[in-house]
Amino acid sequence: MQKYQTFHRHPKSPQPPAPAGTCDSQFHVFGPADKYPIRPGAVYCTPEATIEAALNLHRTLGIKRGVIVQSSAYGMDFRILYDALAIAGPNYQACVVIDDSVSDKELQKLHDAGVRGARFNFWKVLNLVPTPEQFKRSIARIEELGWYAKLHMPVDEMIEMQELFHPLKLNVVMDHFGRPEFDRGVGHPSIRFITDLLKKGNWWMMLSNGDRWSVKGKPWDDAVEFAKTYIDAAPDRMIWGSDWPHPLVPVEEPAKDDGELMELVYRYADNEAIRQKILVSNPAKLFGYKD
């Protein structure tokens, strides 16, 4: 299995500090491997990145709220998630992958532990793609619990499958900018498709991995342009996630400095009010935190 880069051991503290109540709306935890083995068929395993290391990063960034997203590497083995939530405490909740194999009893256990969302990995690389019927059944189950759905897939595939998504009434989060092709520009029909979804009222955007989608490179001006396009469409439904520890970064690339990446998020916002929405107010509304 290919080896991947680990997380930055000494990230900078962002300037200015993160606003009080900032929420990291997506990060992952991994390992130790002897305690939490990855699932058969997993396409990757990132270097060890424990909940303790994640909380240490959050202290550096000035973050006290977060959402642990179950990695596809663990599938529906939730042991690492339960343990991480217990350590992180009440300011942290989670988002998981589910399918028909997850019993109603387990689903309720997840809810009681602090899970409030289900992630659907339609990105074929991860080898966890649900069928349309599986997706519909899972949506019906999580709606009863008041959860949101997260869609992890390239925008072109979302367009191909749009008839499956248009009827959704629950809150839906598009992962990682909707995985667009930045070299197409913000005027491309795929971006208009995304902005139209954002205007429906129940669709949200995770402004994460803008640096990774950038074709211009540092300082990632194209990511700023795309983010502003989405913000203009739905400023009250933009959220941000670090995606720490940044899975699938080739080992030959430098580790990502999360303080630097938070400062990139600051550039997405034209003013303090928008920054407050993205980092504090919007995630508080979606996840049920008190501002």
Protein backbone atom coordinates (compact mmCIF):
# COMPACT_ATOMS: atom_id res chain seq x y z
CA MET A 1 0.00 0.00 0.00
CA GLN A 2 1.32 3.45 -0.91
CA LYS A 3 2.73 5.57 1.90
CA TYR A 4 1.35 9.05 2.54
CA GLN A 5 2.53 12.22 4.23
CA THR A 6 1.89 12.69 7.93
CA PHE A 7 0.48 15.86 9.49
CA HIS A 8 2.55 18.97 10.21
CA ARG A 9 4.10 18.66 13.67
CA HIS A 10 4.55 22.38 14.31
CA PRO A 11 1.85 24.40 12.51
CA LYS A 12 1.79 28.14 12.92
CA SER A 13 -0.82 29.93 14.99
CA PRO A 14 -3.08 31.77 12.53
CA GLN A 15 -3.14 35.55 12.57
CA PRO A 16 -5.51 36.79 13.68
CA PRO A 17 -6.55 33.98 16.03
CA ALA A 18 -9.66 32.01 15.11
CA PRO A 19 -12.91 33.65 16.29
CA ALA A 20 -14.37 32.32 19.53
CA GLY A 21 -16.68 29.41 18.75
CA THR A 22 -14.87 28.39 15.55
CA CYS A 23 -15.80 24.86 14.46
CA ASP A 24 -13.58 22.50 12.48
CA SER A 25 -16.42 20.85 10.58
CA GLN A 26 -14.37 17.96 9.24
CA PHE A 27 -11.31 16.18 10.53
CA HIS A 28 -10.34 12.52 10.82
CA VAL A 29 -8.55 10.31 13.31
CA PHE A 30 -6.36 7.28 12.60
CA GLY A 31 -4.62 4.55 14.53
CA PRO A 32 -2.82 3.16 16.31
CA ALA A 33 -3.07 0.40 13.72
CA ASP A 34 -2.75 -2.47 16.18
CA LYS A 35 -5.81 -1.20 18.06
CA TYR A 36 -7.86 0.08 15.12
CA PRO A 37 -7.12 -2.03 12.01
CA ILE A 38 -8.28 -0.71 8.66
CA ARG A 39 -11.01 -2.54 6.81
CA PRO A 40 -10.36 -5.14 4.10
CA GLY A 41 -10.53 -3.40 0.75
CA ALA A 42 -9.48 0.00 2.07
CA VAL A 43 -7.53 1.91 -0.57
CA TYR A 44 -5.32 3.79 1.85
CA CYS A 45 -4.15 4.07 5.43
CA THR A 46 -2.83 7.41 6.58
CA PRO A 47 -0.05 7.64 9.18
CA GLU A 48 -1.22 7.60 12.77
CA ALA A 49 -3.16 10.73 13.72
CA THR A 50 -4.87 10.31 17.08
CA ILE A 51 -7.67 12.30 18.66
CA GLU A 52 -5.15 13.65 21.16
CA ALA A 53 -3.04 15.03 18.28
CA ALA A 54 -6.16 16.55 16.70
CA LEU A 55 -7.13 18.29 19.93
CA ASN A 56 -3.58 19.59 20.25
CA LEU A 57 -3.86 21.08 16.75
CA HIS A 58 -7.17 22.69 17.69
CA ARG A 59 -5.57 24.31 20.71
CA THR A 60 -2.90 25.77 18.41
CA LEU A 61 -5.55 27.09 16.04
CA GLY A 62 -7.85 28.34 18.80
CA ILE A 63 -10.65 25.85 18.06
CA LYS A 64 -12.90 24.29 20.69
CA ARG A 65 -15.56 22.64 18.50
CA GLY A 66 -15.29 20.01 15.83
CA VAL A 67 -16.80 17.17 13.82
CA ILE A 68 -14.93 13.88 13.57
CA VAL A 69 -15.64 12.31 10.19
CA GLN A 70 -15.20 8.54 10.07
CA SER A 71 -12.56 7.69 7.48
CA SER A 72 -13.39 5.32 4.65
CA ALA A 73 -10.36 3.32 5.85
CA TYR A 74 -12.48 2.05 8.76
CA GLY A 75 -15.77 1.68 6.94
CA MET A 76 -18.43 0.76 9.48
CA ASP A 77 -16.10 -0.31 12.26
CA PHE A 78 -16.90 2.52 14.67
CA ARG A 79 -14.58 1.64 17.56
CA ILE A 80 -12.12 4.44 16.86
CA LEU A 81 -14.98 6.91 16.55
CA TYR A 82 -16.64 5.97 19.83
CA ASP A 83 -13.32 6.24 21.64
CA ALA A 84 -12.45 9.57 20.01
CA LEU A 85 -15.82 11.11 20.90
CA ALA A 86 -15.45 10.00 24.51
CA ILE A 87 -12.04 11.67 24.74
CA ALA A 88 -13.00 14.86 22.86
CA GLY A 89 -16.03 15.66 25.00
CA PRO A 90 -19.37 17.41 24.42
CA ASN A 91 -18.11 20.13 22.07
CA TYR A 92 -17.36 17.46 19.47
CA GLN A 93 -19.70 15.37 17.37
CA ALA A 94 -19.30 13.07 14.39
CA CYS A 95 -20.33 12.01 10.89
CA VAL A 96 -20.19 8.37 9.77
CA VAL A 97 -20.55 6.08 6.78
CA ILE A 98 -23.54 3.74 7.03
CA ASP A 99 -25.28 1.13 4.90
CA ASP A 100 -27.90 -1.58 5.39
CA SER A 101 -25.49 -3.60 7.56
CA VAL A 102 -25.72 -1.00 10.35
CA SER A 103 -28.56 -2.08 12.62
CA ASP A 104 -31.17 0.26 14.05
CA LYS A 105 -29.66 -0.43 17.49
CA GLU A 106 -26.19 0.60 16.28
CA LEU A 107 -27.61 3.67 14.58
CA GLN A 108 -29.20 4.77 17.85
CA LYS A 109 -25.93 4.05 19.68
CA LEU A 110 -24.12 6.30 17.21
CA HIS A 111 -26.68 9.04 17.75
CA ASP A 112 -26.38 8.77 21.52
CA ALA A 113 -22.58 9.02 21.20
CA GLY A 114 -22.83 12.29 19.28
CA VAL A 115 -23.17 11.37 15.61
CA ARG A 116 -25.36 13.79 13.66
CA GLY A 117 -24.55 13.10 10.01
CA ALA A 118 -23.95 10.36 7.44
CA ARG A 119 -21.35 10.65 4.69
CA PHE A 120 -21.95 9.02 1.31
CA ASN A 121 -18.75 8.33 -0.61
CA PHE A 122 -19.78 8.37 -4.25
CA TRP A 123 -16.14 9.08 -5.14
CA LYS A 124 -15.36 5.71 -6.75
CA VAL A 125 -11.71 5.71 -5.69
CA LEU A 126 -12.68 4.97 -2.07
CA ASN A 127 -14.49 1.73 -2.93
CA LEU A 128 -17.55 2.50 -0.79
CA VAL A 129 -20.09 3.70 -3.37
CA PRO A 130 -23.70 2.99 -2.34
CA THR A 131 -26.29 1.94 -4.88
CA PRO A 132 -29.16 4.38 -5.45
CA GLU A 133 -31.50 2.11 -3.50
CA GLN A 134 -29.05 1.77 -0.61
CA PHE A 135 -28.69 5.53 -0.56
CA LYS A 136 -32.46 6.07 -0.43
CA ARG A 137 -32.86 3.59 2.42
CA SER A 138 -30.06 5.22 4.41
CA ILE A 139 -31.51 8.70 3.84
CA ALA A 140 -34.88 7.57 5.17
CA ARG A 141 -33.22 6.19 8.31
CA ILE A 142 -31.11 9.24 9.10
CA GLU A 143 -34.02 11.62 8.44
CA GLU A 144 -35.85 10.00 11.34
CA LEU A 145 -32.93 10.92 13.60
CA GLY A 146 -32.67 14.49 12.31
CA TRP A 147 -29.22 13.93 10.79
CA TYR A 148 -27.72 15.67 7.76
CA ALA A 149 -26.23 13.97 4.70
CA LYS A 150 -22.77 14.63 3.26
CA LEU A 151 -22.00 13.93 -0.38
CA HIS A 152 -18.39 13.20 -1.24
CA MET A 153 -18.11 13.07 -5.03
CA PRO A 154 -16.85 15.01 -8.04
CA VAL A 155 -19.32 17.54 -9.36
CA ASP A 156 -19.58 15.85 -12.77
CA GLU A 157 -20.81 12.67 -11.11
CA MET A 158 -23.23 14.69 -9.03
CA ILE A 159 -24.66 16.14 -12.22
CA GLU A 160 -25.01 12.66 -13.70
CA MET A 161 -26.91 11.49 -10.61
CA GLN A 162 -28.85 14.67 -9.90
CA GLU A 163 -32.26 13.01 -10.07
CA LEU A 164 -31.25 11.08 -6.96
CA PHE A 165 -30.38 14.24 -5.04
CA HIS A 166 -32.94 16.84 -6.09
CA PRO A 167 -35.77 15.35 -3.98
CA LEU A 168 -33.75 15.51 -0.74
CA LYS A 169 -35.40 17.57 2.00
CA LEU A 170 -32.87 17.13 4.82
CA ASN A 171 -29.74 19.27 5.07
CA VAL A 172 -27.10 18.19 2.54
CA VAL A 173 -23.43 19.13 2.74
CA MET A 174 -21.24 19.04 -0.36
CA ASP A 175 -17.73 17.99 0.58
CA HIS A 176 -14.53 19.74 -0.43
CA PHE A 177 -15.86 22.52 -2.70
CA GLY A 178 -17.92 19.87 -4.52
CA ARG A 179 -14.65 18.48 -5.94
CA PRO A 180 -14.70 20.78 -9.01
CA GLU A 181 -12.04 21.27 -11.67
CA PHE A 182 -10.57 24.68 -10.85
CA ASP A 183 -9.01 25.03 -14.29
CA ARG A 184 -12.51 25.30 -15.77
CA GLY A 185 -13.14 28.62 -14.01
CA VAL A 186 -16.11 29.80 -11.98
CA GLY A 187 -18.22 30.38 -15.09
CA HIS A 188 -18.31 26.69 -16.00
CA PRO A 189 -21.78 25.03 -16.06
CA SER A 190 -20.73 22.65 -13.28
CA ILE A 191 -20.25 25.59 -10.92
CA ARG A 192 -23.60 27.06 -11.90
CA PHE A 193 -25.09 23.66 -11.07
CA ILE A 194 -23.55 23.85 -7.58
CA THR A 195 -24.65 27.43 -6.95
CA ASP A 196 -28.19 26.55 -8.03
CA LEU A 197 -28.22 23.75 -5.45
CA LEU A 198 -26.93 26.13 -2.80
CA LYS A 199 -29.85 28.45 -3.45
CA LYS A 200 -32.38 25.68 -2.66
CA GLY A 201 -32.08 26.38 1.07
CA ASN A 202 -31.07 22.96 2.44
CA TRP A 203 -27.73 22.58 0.61
CA TRP A 204 -24.46 23.51 2.28
CA MET A 205 -20.85 23.76 1.13
CA MET A 206 -17.74 22.57 2.95
CA LEU A 207 -14.98 25.03 2.07
CA SER A 208 -12.12 22.57 2.50
CA ASN A 209 -9.14 21.48 0.41
CA GLY A 210 -9.10 24.64 -1.69
CA ASP A 211 -5.31 24.45 -1.69
CA ARG A 212 -5.44 20.91 -3.02
CA TRP A 213 -7.77 21.75 -5.90
CA SER A 214 -5.78 24.85 -6.83
CA VAL A 215 -4.11 24.80 -10.24
CA LYS A 216 -2.37 28.13 -9.67
CA GLY A 217 -0.57 27.03 -6.53
CA LYS A 218 0.32 29.13 -3.53
CA PRO A 219 -1.17 31.56 -2.48
CA TRP A 220 -4.15 29.71 -4.03
CA ASP A 221 -5.92 32.68 -5.58
CA ASP A 222 -8.17 30.40 -7.64
CA ALA A 223 -9.44 28.78 -4.45
CA VAL A 224 -10.34 32.22 -3.14
CA GLU A 225 -12.26 32.99 -6.33
CA PHE A 226 -14.25 29.75 -6.13
CA ALA A 227 -14.98 30.22 -2.44
CA LYS A 228 -16.27 33.74 -2.99
CA THR A 229 -18.54 32.47 -5.77
CA TYR A 230 -20.13 29.97 -3.40
CA ILE A 231 -20.33 32.48 -0.55
CA ASP A 232 -22.17 34.93 -2.79
CA ALA A 233 -24.71 32.21 -3.59
CA ALA A 234 -25.39 31.11 0.00
CA PRO A 235 -23.46 32.97 2.71
CA ASP A 236 -25.57 31.39 5.45
CA ARG A 237 -24.70 27.82 4.40
CA MET A 238 -20.92 27.90 4.09
CA ILE A 239 -18.86 25.92 6.60
CA TRP A 240 -15.17 25.07 6.87
CA GLY A 241 -13.26 21.92 7.75
CA SER A 242 -9.52 21.39 8.04
CA ASP A 243 -9.64 17.82 6.68
CA TRP A 244 -6.78 17.12 9.08
CA PRO A 245 -4.57 15.06 8.89
CA HIS A 246 -4.97 15.61 5.13
CA PRO A 247 -5.28 12.02 3.85
CA LEU A 248 -3.75 10.95 0.55
CA VAL A 249 -1.07 13.65 0.37
CA PRO A 250 1.93 12.00 -1.35
CA VAL A 251 4.82 11.42 1.02
CA GLU A 252 7.18 13.40 -1.21
CA GLU A 253 5.08 16.57 -0.75
CA PRO A 254 5.61 18.82 2.29
CA ALA A 255 3.27 18.47 5.25
CA LYS A 256 0.38 20.94 5.24
CA ASP A 257 0.54 23.78 7.75
CA ASP A 258 -2.96 24.06 9.20
CA GLY A 259 -2.34 27.55 10.56
CA GLU A 260 -1.49 28.69 7.06
CA LEU A 261 -4.58 26.98 5.67
CA MET A 262 -6.80 28.73 8.22
CA GLU A 263 -5.40 32.03 7.02
CA LEU A 264 -6.47 30.98 3.53
CA VAL A 265 -10.02 30.64 4.86
CA TYR A 266 -9.77 34.20 6.17
CA ARG A 267 -9.14 35.30 2.57
CA TYR A 268 -12.38 33.65 1.47
CA ALA A 269 -14.32 36.13 3.60
CA ASP A 270 -14.58 39.76 2.50
CA ASN A 271 -15.33 40.97 6.02
CA GLU A 272 -15.54 39.92 9.66
CA ALA A 273 -19.26 39.19 9.43
CA ILE A 274 -18.76 36.61 6.66
CA ARG A 275 -15.81 35.08 8.52
CA GLN A 276 -18.00 34.75 11.60
CA LYS A 277 -20.69 33.00 9.55
CA ILE A 278 -18.32 30.47 7.95
CA LEU A 279 -16.40 29.57 11.09
CA VAL A 280 -18.94 30.04 13.89
CA SER A 281 -22.59 30.83 13.15
CA ASN A 282 -23.25 28.54 10.18
CA PRO A 283 -21.75 25.38 11.72
CA ALA A 284 -23.50 26.21 14.99
CA LYS A 285 -26.81 26.25 13.11
CA LEU A 286 -26.15 23.04 11.16
CA PHE A 287 -24.70 21.05 14.06
CA GLY A 288 -26.83 22.48 16.85
CA TYR A 289 -24.17 24.34 18.82
CA LYS A 290 -25.09 27.39 20.84
CA ASP A 291 -23.31 30.51 19.53
